[in-house]
Amino acid sequence: MVLQTLLVLLRRRPPQGHKLLVLATCSDEPVVEDLGLGKACSTVQRLPVLRDADELKAVIEEAVRQWAAEAGEGDAGGIKEEGVAAAGAGGKDGARSGSEGGDDGEVAGRGAVMEAGEIDTAASELGSRPGGVPMKRLLALLEMARQAQADEDDAMAGADDGGAGERGPVSVTAAKILECALETDGAA
C-alpha cells in the first residue's frame, strides 16, 4: 500500500509552472530496482564508497565548513590550524562564540570546529576500515559526533555555571567520530 502510493506520487507531474525535486538515498540498489522505484526517478546518482583517507578528509573538511557557514563564520571557517581558526570572527582562538541558535539546546546555528590534525586522524582511521565508508554513513557519523559533543559541552557548561554561560562552537574530535562509528557498528 505504501509502496504503491509512493510510486503514484513519484510519477505524478507537478502542476504547470511548478517544479518538484525529490531526493532519496538507499544503500541497497537491487532493492530499489526490485521495488520499481528506479523507474520512477529521472536521474540516479551513484556515490562510491569512500576508501581513501584523502577522499574522507575532503568530505570531513567540507562538512566542517558547512557547520561554520551555519553559524555565519564564512566558507573557510571551522577548520583550525595549530589552535587558531582558519576563519571566523571574535571569540576564543578566533572562532565565533555565542549562542546564535538560541538557548534551546540545538546544535544548528552554533557552528563547530575541528582541528586539522583531528580531521587527518579521523580520515585515516575511517579509511582503514574494511570495505570503506559510504558517503551517507560518513555524514551521519559526523552529525552524530557533533551532536554528542554539543550535549557533553552543554552538560559541562551547566555544571560549571548553572547553564547561564555563552555556548561557543562545538569542538569535534576524531575520537568522538570513531566512538559514534563503534556505537553504530553493532546497530548496522
N, C-alpha and C. Protein backbone atom coordinates (compact mmCIF):
# COMPACT_ATOMS: atom_id res chain seq x y z
N MET A 1 0.83 -1.19 0.00
CA MET A 1 0.00 0.00 0.00
C MET A 1 0.88 1.26 0.00
N VAL A 2 1.84 1.32 0.90
CA VAL A 2 2.73 2.48 0.98
C VAL A 2 3.57 2.58 -0.28
N LEU A 3 4.08 1.45 -0.76
CA LEU A 3 4.90 1.45 -1.97
C LEU A 3 4.08 1.94 -3.16
N GLN A 4 2.87 1.46 -3.30
CA GLN A 4 2.02 1.86 -4.41
C GLN A 4 1.74 3.37 -4.35
N THR A 5 1.45 3.89 -3.17
CA THR A 5 1.20 5.33 -3.01
C THR A 5 2.44 6.13 -3.38
N LEU A 6 3.60 5.67 -2.94
CA LEU A 6 4.85 6.35 -3.25
C LEU A 6 5.10 6.37 -4.76
N LEU A 7 4.89 5.25 -5.41
CA LEU A 7 5.10 5.18 -6.86
C LEU A 7 4.14 6.12 -7.60
N VAL A 8 2.90 6.16 -7.18
CA VAL A 8 1.92 7.05 -7.82
C VAL A 8 2.35 8.50 -7.65
N LEU A 9 2.73 8.87 -6.45
CA LEU A 9 3.13 10.26 -6.19
C LEU A 9 4.40 10.64 -6.95
N LEU A 10 5.35 9.72 -7.07
CA LEU A 10 6.59 10.00 -7.78
C LEU A 10 6.35 10.17 -9.27
N ARG A 11 5.38 9.45 -9.81
CA ARG A 11 5.11 9.53 -11.25
C ARG A 11 4.23 10.72 -11.62
N ARG A 12 3.55 11.28 -10.65
CA ARG A 12 2.64 12.40 -10.92
C ARG A 12 3.46 13.66 -11.25
N ARG A 13 3.07 14.33 -12.31
CA ARG A 13 3.74 15.57 -12.70
C ARG A 13 3.29 16.71 -11.79
N PRO A 14 4.20 17.61 -11.44
CA PRO A 14 3.78 18.78 -10.64
C PRO A 14 2.90 19.69 -11.48
N PRO A 15 2.12 20.55 -10.83
CA PRO A 15 1.27 21.49 -11.59
C PRO A 15 2.11 22.35 -12.52
N GLN A 16 1.48 22.80 -13.60
CA GLN A 16 2.18 23.63 -14.58
C GLN A 16 2.75 24.87 -13.91
N GLY A 17 4.00 25.18 -14.25
CA GLY A 17 4.67 26.33 -13.66
C GLY A 17 5.37 26.03 -12.35
N HIS A 18 5.27 24.81 -11.88
CA HIS A 18 5.92 24.40 -10.63
C HIS A 18 6.94 23.31 -10.92
N LYS A 19 7.92 23.25 -10.08
CA LYS A 19 8.94 22.20 -10.18
C LYS A 19 8.95 21.41 -8.90
N LEU A 20 9.41 20.18 -8.99
CA LEU A 20 9.47 19.30 -7.83
C LEU A 20 10.81 18.58 -7.83
N LEU A 21 11.48 18.60 -6.70
CA LEU A 21 12.73 17.89 -6.54
C LEU A 21 12.55 16.91 -5.39
N VAL A 22 12.80 15.65 -5.66
CA VAL A 22 12.72 14.62 -4.63
C VAL A 22 14.10 13.99 -4.54
N LEU A 23 14.69 14.03 -3.36
CA LEU A 23 15.97 13.39 -3.12
C LEU A 23 15.75 12.17 -2.25
N ALA A 24 16.31 11.06 -2.67
CA ALA A 24 16.18 9.84 -1.90
C ALA A 24 17.53 9.14 -1.90
N THR A 25 17.81 8.47 -0.80
CA THR A 25 19.07 7.72 -0.72
C THR A 25 18.77 6.28 -0.34
N CYS A 26 19.63 5.40 -0.81
CA CYS A 26 19.48 3.98 -0.49
C CYS A 26 20.84 3.32 -0.65
N SER A 27 21.16 2.43 0.24
CA SER A 27 22.45 1.74 0.15
C SER A 27 22.31 0.36 -0.49
N ASP A 28 21.08 -0.02 -0.85
CA ASP A 28 20.85 -1.35 -1.45
C ASP A 28 20.15 -1.17 -2.79
N GLU A 29 20.94 -0.91 -3.83
CA GLU A 29 20.40 -0.60 -5.15
C GLU A 29 19.52 -1.70 -5.72
N PRO A 30 19.85 -2.98 -5.57
CA PRO A 30 18.96 -4.02 -6.10
C PRO A 30 17.54 -3.96 -5.52
N VAL A 31 17.40 -3.59 -4.26
CA VAL A 31 16.07 -3.47 -3.66
C VAL A 31 15.28 -2.36 -4.33
N VAL A 32 15.94 -1.24 -4.62
CA VAL A 32 15.29 -0.13 -5.29
C VAL A 32 14.75 -0.58 -6.65
N GLU A 33 15.57 -1.32 -7.37
CA GLU A 33 15.15 -1.82 -8.69
C GLU A 33 14.03 -2.84 -8.56
N ASP A 34 14.14 -3.76 -7.61
CA ASP A 34 13.11 -4.79 -7.41
C ASP A 34 11.76 -4.17 -7.08
N LEU A 35 11.76 -3.08 -6.34
CA LEU A 35 10.51 -2.41 -5.96
C LEU A 35 9.97 -1.50 -7.05
N GLY A 36 10.75 -1.30 -8.11
CA GLY A 36 10.31 -0.47 -9.22
C GLY A 36 10.50 1.02 -8.98
N LEU A 37 11.20 1.37 -7.93
CA LEU A 37 11.41 2.79 -7.63
C LEU A 37 12.41 3.44 -8.58
N GLY A 38 13.34 2.68 -9.10
CA GLY A 38 14.34 3.23 -10.01
C GLY A 38 13.73 3.79 -11.28
N LYS A 39 12.67 3.15 -11.76
CA LYS A 39 11.99 3.60 -12.98
C LYS A 39 11.25 4.92 -12.75
N ALA A 40 10.90 5.21 -11.52
CA ALA A 40 10.18 6.45 -11.20
C ALA A 40 11.11 7.65 -11.10
N CYS A 41 12.41 7.42 -11.14
CA CYS A 41 13.38 8.50 -10.99
C CYS A 41 13.90 8.92 -12.36
N SER A 42 14.02 10.23 -12.55
CA SER A 42 14.55 10.72 -13.82
C SER A 42 16.08 10.71 -13.82
N THR A 43 16.68 10.81 -12.65
CA THR A 43 18.13 10.81 -12.53
C THR A 43 18.54 9.97 -11.34
N VAL A 44 19.57 9.18 -11.54
CA VAL A 44 20.12 8.39 -10.44
C VAL A 44 21.60 8.73 -10.35
N GLN A 45 22.04 9.15 -9.19
CA GLN A 45 23.44 9.49 -8.96
C GLN A 45 24.03 8.47 -8.01
N ARG A 46 24.98 7.70 -8.48
CA ARG A 46 25.63 6.72 -7.62
C ARG A 46 26.87 7.34 -6.98
N LEU A 47 26.98 7.16 -5.68
CA LEU A 47 28.13 7.68 -4.95
C LEU A 47 29.00 6.51 -4.53
N PRO A 48 30.30 6.60 -4.78
CA PRO A 48 31.18 5.50 -4.41
C PRO A 48 31.38 5.43 -2.90
N VAL A 49 31.74 4.25 -2.45
CA VAL A 49 32.13 4.07 -1.05
C VAL A 49 33.49 4.74 -0.90
N LEU A 50 33.67 5.52 0.15
CA LEU A 50 34.93 6.23 0.37
C LEU A 50 35.91 5.29 1.05
N ARG A 51 37.04 5.05 0.42
CA ARG A 51 38.05 4.14 0.95
C ARG A 51 39.37 4.85 1.26
N ASP A 52 39.64 5.90 0.52
CA ASP A 52 40.92 6.59 0.61
C ASP A 52 40.85 7.70 1.66
N ALA A 53 41.90 7.83 2.47
CA ALA A 53 41.93 8.86 3.52
C ALA A 53 41.77 10.26 2.94
N ASP A 54 42.31 10.51 1.74
CA ASP A 54 42.17 11.83 1.13
C ASP A 54 40.72 12.14 0.76
N GLU A 55 39.98 11.12 0.28
CA GLU A 55 38.56 11.31 -0.03
C GLU A 55 37.78 11.61 1.25
N LEU A 56 38.04 10.84 2.27
CA LEU A 56 37.36 11.04 3.55
C LEU A 56 37.69 12.41 4.12
N LYS A 57 38.95 12.81 4.03
CA LYS A 57 39.37 14.11 4.55
C LYS A 57 38.63 15.24 3.84
N ALA A 58 38.50 15.13 2.52
CA ALA A 58 37.81 16.18 1.75
C ALA A 58 36.35 16.31 2.19
N VAL A 59 35.68 15.19 2.43
CA VAL A 59 34.28 15.23 2.86
C VAL A 59 34.17 15.80 4.27
N ILE A 60 35.06 15.38 5.16
CA ILE A 60 35.03 15.89 6.54
C ILE A 60 35.28 17.39 6.55
N GLU A 61 36.27 17.85 5.78
CA GLU A 61 36.56 19.28 5.72
C GLU A 61 35.35 20.06 5.21
N GLU A 62 34.68 19.53 4.19
CA GLU A 62 33.50 20.23 3.66
C GLU A 62 32.38 20.26 4.69
N ALA A 63 32.20 19.19 5.44
CA ALA A 63 31.17 19.17 6.48
C ALA A 63 31.47 20.22 7.55
N VAL A 64 32.73 20.33 7.94
CA VAL A 64 33.12 21.33 8.95
C VAL A 64 32.90 22.74 8.41
N ARG A 65 33.21 22.95 7.14
CA ARG A 65 32.94 24.26 6.54
C ARG A 65 31.44 24.56 6.54
N GLN A 66 30.63 23.57 6.28
CA GLN A 66 29.17 23.76 6.31
C GLN A 66 28.71 24.11 7.71
N TRP A 67 29.27 23.46 8.72
CA TRP A 67 28.91 23.77 10.10
C TRP A 67 29.24 25.24 10.40
N ALA A 68 30.40 25.67 9.94
CA ALA A 68 30.82 27.05 10.18
C ALA A 68 29.90 28.02 9.44
N ALA A 69 29.50 27.66 8.23
CA ALA A 69 28.61 28.52 7.45
C ALA A 69 27.25 28.64 8.14
N GLU A 70 26.79 27.56 8.77
CA GLU A 70 25.52 27.61 9.50
C GLU A 70 25.57 28.65 10.61
N ALA A 71 26.75 28.82 11.19
CA ALA A 71 26.91 29.76 12.29
C ALA A 71 27.36 31.14 11.79
N GLY A 72 27.44 31.31 10.45
CA GLY A 72 27.81 32.60 9.89
C GLY A 72 29.28 32.89 9.93
N GLU A 73 30.11 31.85 9.93
CA GLU A 73 31.56 32.05 10.01
C GLU A 73 32.23 32.11 8.65
N GLY A 74 31.50 31.97 7.58
CA GLY A 74 32.11 32.04 6.26
C GLY A 74 32.46 30.67 5.73
N ASP A 75 32.89 30.65 4.47
CA ASP A 75 33.15 29.39 3.78
C ASP A 75 34.35 28.62 4.31
N ALA A 76 35.37 29.30 4.81
CA ALA A 76 36.58 28.62 5.24
C ALA A 76 36.64 28.43 6.75
N GLY A 77 35.60 28.79 7.46
CA GLY A 77 35.61 28.69 8.92
C GLY A 77 35.54 27.27 9.40
N GLY A 78 35.82 27.10 10.68
CA GLY A 78 35.64 25.82 11.33
C GLY A 78 36.85 24.93 11.39
N ILE A 79 37.76 25.01 10.43
CA ILE A 79 38.95 24.17 10.45
C ILE A 79 40.05 24.93 11.14
N LYS A 80 40.59 24.32 12.19
CA LYS A 80 41.60 25.00 12.99
C LYS A 80 42.99 24.45 12.68
N GLU A 81 43.91 25.36 12.47
CA GLU A 81 45.32 25.01 12.26
C GLU A 81 46.09 25.41 13.51
N GLU A 82 46.71 24.46 14.16
CA GLU A 82 47.55 24.72 15.33
C GLU A 82 46.85 25.61 16.35
N GLY A 83 45.57 25.31 16.61
CA GLY A 83 44.86 26.01 17.66
C GLY A 83 44.26 27.34 17.27
N VAL A 84 44.40 27.77 16.01
CA VAL A 84 43.83 29.03 15.58
C VAL A 84 42.88 28.75 14.43
N ALA A 85 41.68 29.29 14.49
CA ALA A 85 40.69 29.04 13.45
C ALA A 85 41.17 29.61 12.13
N ALA A 86 40.91 28.90 11.06
CA ALA A 86 41.28 29.37 9.73
C ALA A 86 40.46 30.57 9.31
N ALA A 87 39.25 30.70 9.85
CA ALA A 87 38.40 31.85 9.57
C ALA A 87 37.41 31.99 10.71
N GLY A 88 36.70 33.06 10.72
CA GLY A 88 35.74 33.31 11.79
C GLY A 88 36.11 34.62 12.46
N ALA A 89 35.21 35.15 13.23
CA ALA A 89 35.47 36.43 13.86
C ALA A 89 35.20 36.35 15.35
N GLY A 90 36.07 36.97 16.12
CA GLY A 90 35.87 37.08 17.56
C GLY A 90 35.95 35.75 18.27
N GLY A 91 35.79 35.80 19.58
CA GLY A 91 35.75 34.58 20.37
C GLY A 91 37.10 33.97 20.60
N LYS A 92 37.11 32.90 21.36
CA LYS A 92 38.33 32.19 21.71
C LYS A 92 38.97 31.56 20.48
N ASP A 93 40.26 31.66 20.33
CA ASP A 93 41.03 31.08 19.24
C ASP A 93 40.54 31.55 17.86
N GLY A 94 39.91 32.73 17.81
CA GLY A 94 39.43 33.24 16.53
C GLY A 94 38.15 32.59 16.07
N ALA A 95 37.61 31.67 16.84
CA ALA A 95 36.37 31.02 16.44
C ALA A 95 35.19 31.82 16.96
N ARG A 96 34.13 31.82 16.25
CA ARG A 96 32.92 32.56 16.63
C ARG A 96 32.38 31.98 17.92
N SER A 97 31.94 32.83 18.83
CA SER A 97 31.38 32.34 20.08
C SER A 97 29.97 32.86 20.23
N GLY A 98 29.29 32.34 21.22
CA GLY A 98 27.92 32.78 21.46
C GLY A 98 26.94 31.73 21.02
N SER A 99 25.71 31.96 21.38
CA SER A 99 24.65 31.01 21.06
C SER A 99 23.72 31.63 20.05
N GLU A 100 23.99 31.41 18.76
CA GLU A 100 23.15 32.01 17.75
C GLU A 100 21.88 31.23 17.53
N GLY A 101 21.85 29.98 17.98
CA GLY A 101 20.67 29.16 17.78
C GLY A 101 19.70 29.28 18.94
N GLY A 102 19.89 30.24 19.83
CA GLY A 102 19.02 30.39 21.00
C GLY A 102 19.48 29.46 22.09
N ASP A 103 18.73 29.42 23.17
CA ASP A 103 19.12 28.59 24.31
C ASP A 103 18.24 27.36 24.40
N ASP A 104 18.01 26.72 23.24
CA ASP A 104 17.11 25.58 23.21
C ASP A 104 17.83 24.26 23.10
N GLY A 105 19.15 24.25 23.26
CA GLY A 105 19.91 23.02 23.21
C GLY A 105 20.21 22.54 21.79
N GLU A 106 19.81 23.30 20.79
CA GLU A 106 20.04 22.90 19.40
C GLU A 106 21.50 23.14 19.04
N VAL A 107 22.04 22.27 18.19
CA VAL A 107 23.41 22.44 17.71
C VAL A 107 23.41 23.37 16.51
N ALA A 108 22.39 23.29 15.67
CA ALA A 108 22.34 24.13 14.48
C ALA A 108 22.45 25.59 14.88
N GLY A 109 23.30 26.32 14.17
CA GLY A 109 23.49 27.73 14.46
C GLY A 109 24.66 27.98 15.39
N ARG A 110 25.13 26.96 16.09
CA ARG A 110 26.27 27.14 17.00
C ARG A 110 27.58 27.02 16.25
N GLY A 111 27.57 26.34 15.15
CA GLY A 111 28.80 26.09 14.44
C GLY A 111 29.60 25.00 15.12
N ALA A 112 30.64 24.59 14.48
CA ALA A 112 31.52 23.58 15.04
C ALA A 112 32.89 23.78 14.45
N VAL A 113 33.88 23.40 15.20
CA VAL A 113 35.25 23.49 14.73
C VAL A 113 35.90 22.12 14.87
N MET A 114 36.92 21.91 14.07
CA MET A 114 37.67 20.67 14.16
C MET A 114 39.09 20.99 13.75
N GLU A 115 40.03 20.58 14.56
CA GLU A 115 41.43 20.85 14.26
C GLU A 115 41.88 20.00 13.08
N ALA A 116 42.77 20.56 12.28
CA ALA A 116 43.25 19.88 11.08
C ALA A 116 43.83 18.51 11.41
N GLY A 117 44.56 18.41 12.51
CA GLY A 117 45.12 17.12 12.91
C GLY A 117 44.05 16.10 13.26
N GLU A 118 42.95 16.56 13.84
CA GLU A 118 41.82 15.68 14.16
C GLU A 118 41.15 15.18 12.88
N ILE A 119 41.05 16.07 11.89
CA ILE A 119 40.48 15.68 10.60
C ILE A 119 41.34 14.59 9.97
N ASP A 120 42.67 14.79 9.98
CA ASP A 120 43.59 13.80 9.42
C ASP A 120 43.46 12.46 10.13
N THR A 121 43.37 12.49 11.47
CA THR A 121 43.26 11.26 12.25
C THR A 121 41.96 10.53 11.93
N ALA A 122 40.85 11.27 11.91
CA ALA A 122 39.55 10.66 11.61
C ALA A 122 39.55 10.05 10.21
N ALA A 123 40.08 10.77 9.23
CA ALA A 123 40.11 10.28 7.86
C ALA A 123 40.97 9.02 7.75
N SER A 124 42.11 9.03 8.41
CA SER A 124 43.00 7.88 8.37
C SER A 124 42.36 6.65 9.03
N GLU A 125 41.77 6.84 10.21
CA GLU A 125 41.15 5.73 10.93
C GLU A 125 39.96 5.17 10.17
N LEU A 126 39.11 6.05 9.67
CA LEU A 126 37.93 5.59 8.93
C LEU A 126 38.34 4.94 7.61
N GLY A 127 39.40 5.46 6.98
CA GLY A 127 39.88 4.90 5.72
C GLY A 127 40.46 3.52 5.86
N SER A 128 40.89 3.17 7.06
CA SER A 128 41.48 1.84 7.28
C SER A 128 40.43 0.78 7.58
N ARG A 129 39.18 1.18 7.68
CA ARG A 129 38.10 0.22 7.97
C ARG A 129 37.86 -0.65 6.74
N PRO A 130 37.69 -1.96 6.93
CA PRO A 130 37.43 -2.84 5.79
C PRO A 130 36.13 -2.44 5.07
N GLY A 131 36.19 -2.38 3.76
CA GLY A 131 35.01 -2.04 2.97
C GLY A 131 34.78 -0.56 2.80
N GLY A 132 35.55 0.29 3.49
CA GLY A 132 35.38 1.72 3.35
C GLY A 132 34.16 2.25 4.09
N VAL A 133 33.80 3.48 3.79
CA VAL A 133 32.67 4.14 4.45
C VAL A 133 31.77 4.77 3.38
N PRO A 134 30.51 4.36 3.33
CA PRO A 134 29.59 5.02 2.39
C PRO A 134 29.41 6.49 2.77
N MET A 135 29.20 7.32 1.77
CA MET A 135 29.05 8.77 1.98
C MET A 135 27.96 9.07 3.01
N LYS A 136 26.81 8.45 2.85
CA LYS A 136 25.69 8.72 3.75
C LYS A 136 26.06 8.37 5.20
N ARG A 137 26.77 7.28 5.39
CA ARG A 137 27.18 6.88 6.74
C ARG A 137 28.17 7.88 7.32
N LEU A 138 29.12 8.33 6.50
CA LEU A 138 30.10 9.30 6.98
C LEU A 138 29.41 10.58 7.44
N LEU A 139 28.49 11.09 6.64
CA LEU A 139 27.79 12.32 7.01
C LEU A 139 26.97 12.12 8.28
N ALA A 140 26.36 10.95 8.42
CA ALA A 140 25.60 10.64 9.64
C ALA A 140 26.52 10.58 10.86
N LEU A 141 27.69 9.96 10.71
CA LEU A 141 28.66 9.88 11.81
C LEU A 141 29.13 11.26 12.24
N LEU A 142 29.40 12.11 11.27
CA LEU A 142 29.86 13.47 11.59
C LEU A 142 28.79 14.24 12.35
N GLU A 143 27.56 14.12 11.93
CA GLU A 143 26.48 14.83 12.61
C GLU A 143 26.24 14.23 14.00
N MET A 144 26.32 12.91 14.12
CA MET A 144 26.17 12.28 15.44
C MET A 144 27.26 12.74 16.39
N ALA A 145 28.49 12.82 15.89
CA ALA A 145 29.61 13.26 16.72
C ALA A 145 29.43 14.71 17.15
N ARG A 146 28.98 15.55 16.23
CA ARG A 146 28.76 16.96 16.56
C ARG A 146 27.68 17.10 17.64
N GLN A 147 26.60 16.36 17.48
CA GLN A 147 25.50 16.43 18.46
C GLN A 147 25.94 15.88 19.82
N ALA A 148 26.64 14.74 19.80
CA ALA A 148 27.10 14.14 21.06
C ALA A 148 28.07 15.07 21.80
N GLN A 149 28.97 15.71 21.05
CA GLN A 149 29.92 16.63 21.67
C GLN A 149 29.20 17.86 22.21
N ALA A 150 28.21 18.36 21.46
CA ALA A 150 27.44 19.51 21.94
C ALA A 150 26.70 19.17 23.23
N ASP A 151 26.13 17.96 23.30
CA ASP A 151 25.44 17.54 24.51
C ASP A 151 26.40 17.47 25.70
N GLU A 152 27.59 16.93 25.46
CA GLU A 152 28.60 16.87 26.53
C GLU A 152 29.04 18.26 26.95
N ASP A 153 29.27 19.14 25.96
CA ASP A 153 29.67 20.52 26.26
C ASP A 153 28.60 21.24 27.08
N ASP A 154 27.33 21.06 26.69
CA ASP A 154 26.24 21.69 27.41
C ASP A 154 26.13 21.17 28.84
N ALA A 155 26.34 19.87 29.01
CA ALA A 155 26.28 19.28 30.35
C ALA A 155 27.40 19.84 31.22
N MET A 156 28.59 19.98 30.65
CA MET A 156 29.72 20.54 31.39
C MET A 156 29.48 22.02 31.71
N ALA A 157 28.98 22.77 30.76
CA ALA A 157 28.72 24.19 30.98
C ALA A 157 27.64 24.36 32.05
N GLY A 158 26.64 23.51 32.02
CA GLY A 158 25.57 23.58 33.01
C GLY A 158 26.09 23.28 34.40
N ALA A 159 27.03 22.35 34.51
CA ALA A 159 27.59 22.01 35.81
C ALA A 159 28.51 23.11 36.32
N ASP A 160 29.22 23.78 35.40
CA ASP A 160 30.17 24.82 35.79
C ASP A 160 29.52 26.14 36.17
N ASP A 161 28.48 26.55 35.41
CA ASP A 161 27.93 27.88 35.64
C ASP A 161 26.41 27.90 35.74
N GLY A 162 25.83 26.77 36.02
CA GLY A 162 24.37 26.73 36.14
C GLY A 162 23.66 26.90 34.82
N GLY A 163 24.38 26.73 33.69
CA GLY A 163 23.77 26.84 32.37
C GLY A 163 23.61 28.26 31.87
N ALA A 164 24.15 29.25 32.59
CA ALA A 164 23.95 30.65 32.22
C ALA A 164 25.02 31.18 31.27
N GLY A 165 26.08 30.43 31.03
CA GLY A 165 27.17 30.92 30.20
C GLY A 165 26.87 30.84 28.72
N GLU A 166 27.68 31.56 27.93
CA GLU A 166 27.55 31.52 26.48
C GLU A 166 28.06 30.19 25.97
N ARG A 167 27.38 29.68 24.95
CA ARG A 167 27.82 28.45 24.32
C ARG A 167 28.55 28.80 23.04
N GLY A 168 29.77 28.38 22.93
CA GLY A 168 30.56 28.64 21.73
C GLY A 168 30.43 27.50 20.75
N PRO A 169 31.28 27.49 19.73
CA PRO A 169 31.22 26.42 18.74
C PRO A 169 31.59 25.08 19.37
N VAL A 170 31.05 24.04 18.82
CA VAL A 170 31.33 22.68 19.28
C VAL A 170 32.66 22.26 18.69
N SER A 171 33.56 21.74 19.51
CA SER A 171 34.85 21.27 19.03
C SER A 171 34.79 19.75 18.88
N VAL A 172 34.66 19.29 17.65
CA VAL A 172 34.51 17.87 17.35
C VAL A 172 35.89 17.23 17.24
N THR A 173 36.03 16.04 17.80
CA THR A 173 37.31 15.33 17.76
C THR A 173 37.18 14.04 16.96
N ALA A 174 38.32 13.55 16.51
CA ALA A 174 38.35 12.26 15.82
C ALA A 174 37.86 11.16 16.75
N ALA A 175 38.23 11.24 18.01
CA ALA A 175 37.81 10.23 18.98
C ALA A 175 36.29 10.16 19.07
N LYS A 176 35.61 11.31 19.03
CA LYS A 176 34.15 11.33 19.11
C LYS A 176 33.53 10.70 17.86
N ILE A 177 34.10 10.98 16.70
CA ILE A 177 33.61 10.39 15.45
C ILE A 177 33.78 8.88 15.49
N LEU A 178 34.95 8.41 15.92
CA LEU A 178 35.21 6.97 15.96
C LEU A 178 34.36 6.29 17.03
N GLU A 179 34.08 6.98 18.13
CA GLU A 179 33.18 6.46 19.17
C GLU A 179 31.78 6.25 18.58
N CYS A 180 31.32 7.22 17.82
CA CYS A 180 30.00 7.09 17.17
C CYS A 180 30.00 5.95 16.16
N ALA A 181 31.11 5.80 15.43
CA ALA A 181 31.20 4.69 14.48
C ALA A 181 31.12 3.35 15.17
N LEU A 182 31.81 3.21 16.30
CA LEU A 182 31.76 1.96 17.06
C LEU A 182 30.37 1.69 17.62
N GLU A 183 29.70 2.74 18.10
CA GLU A 183 28.35 2.59 18.63
C GLU A 183 27.38 2.11 17.58
N THR A 184 27.52 2.61 16.36
CA THR A 184 26.58 2.26 15.30
C THR A 184 26.96 0.99 14.55
N ASP A 185 28.20 0.51 14.70
CA ASP A 185 28.61 -0.72 14.03
C ASP A 185 27.74 -1.91 14.44
N GLY A 186 27.41 -1.98 15.72
CA GLY A 186 26.58 -3.08 16.19
C GLY A 186 25.14 -2.95 15.75
N ALA A 187 24.69 -1.71 15.51
CA ALA A 187 23.31 -1.47 15.12
C ALA A 187 23.11 -1.58 13.61
N ALA A 188 24.23 -1.56 12.86
CA ALA A 188 24.11 -1.57 11.39
C ALA A 188 23.85 -2.93 10.85
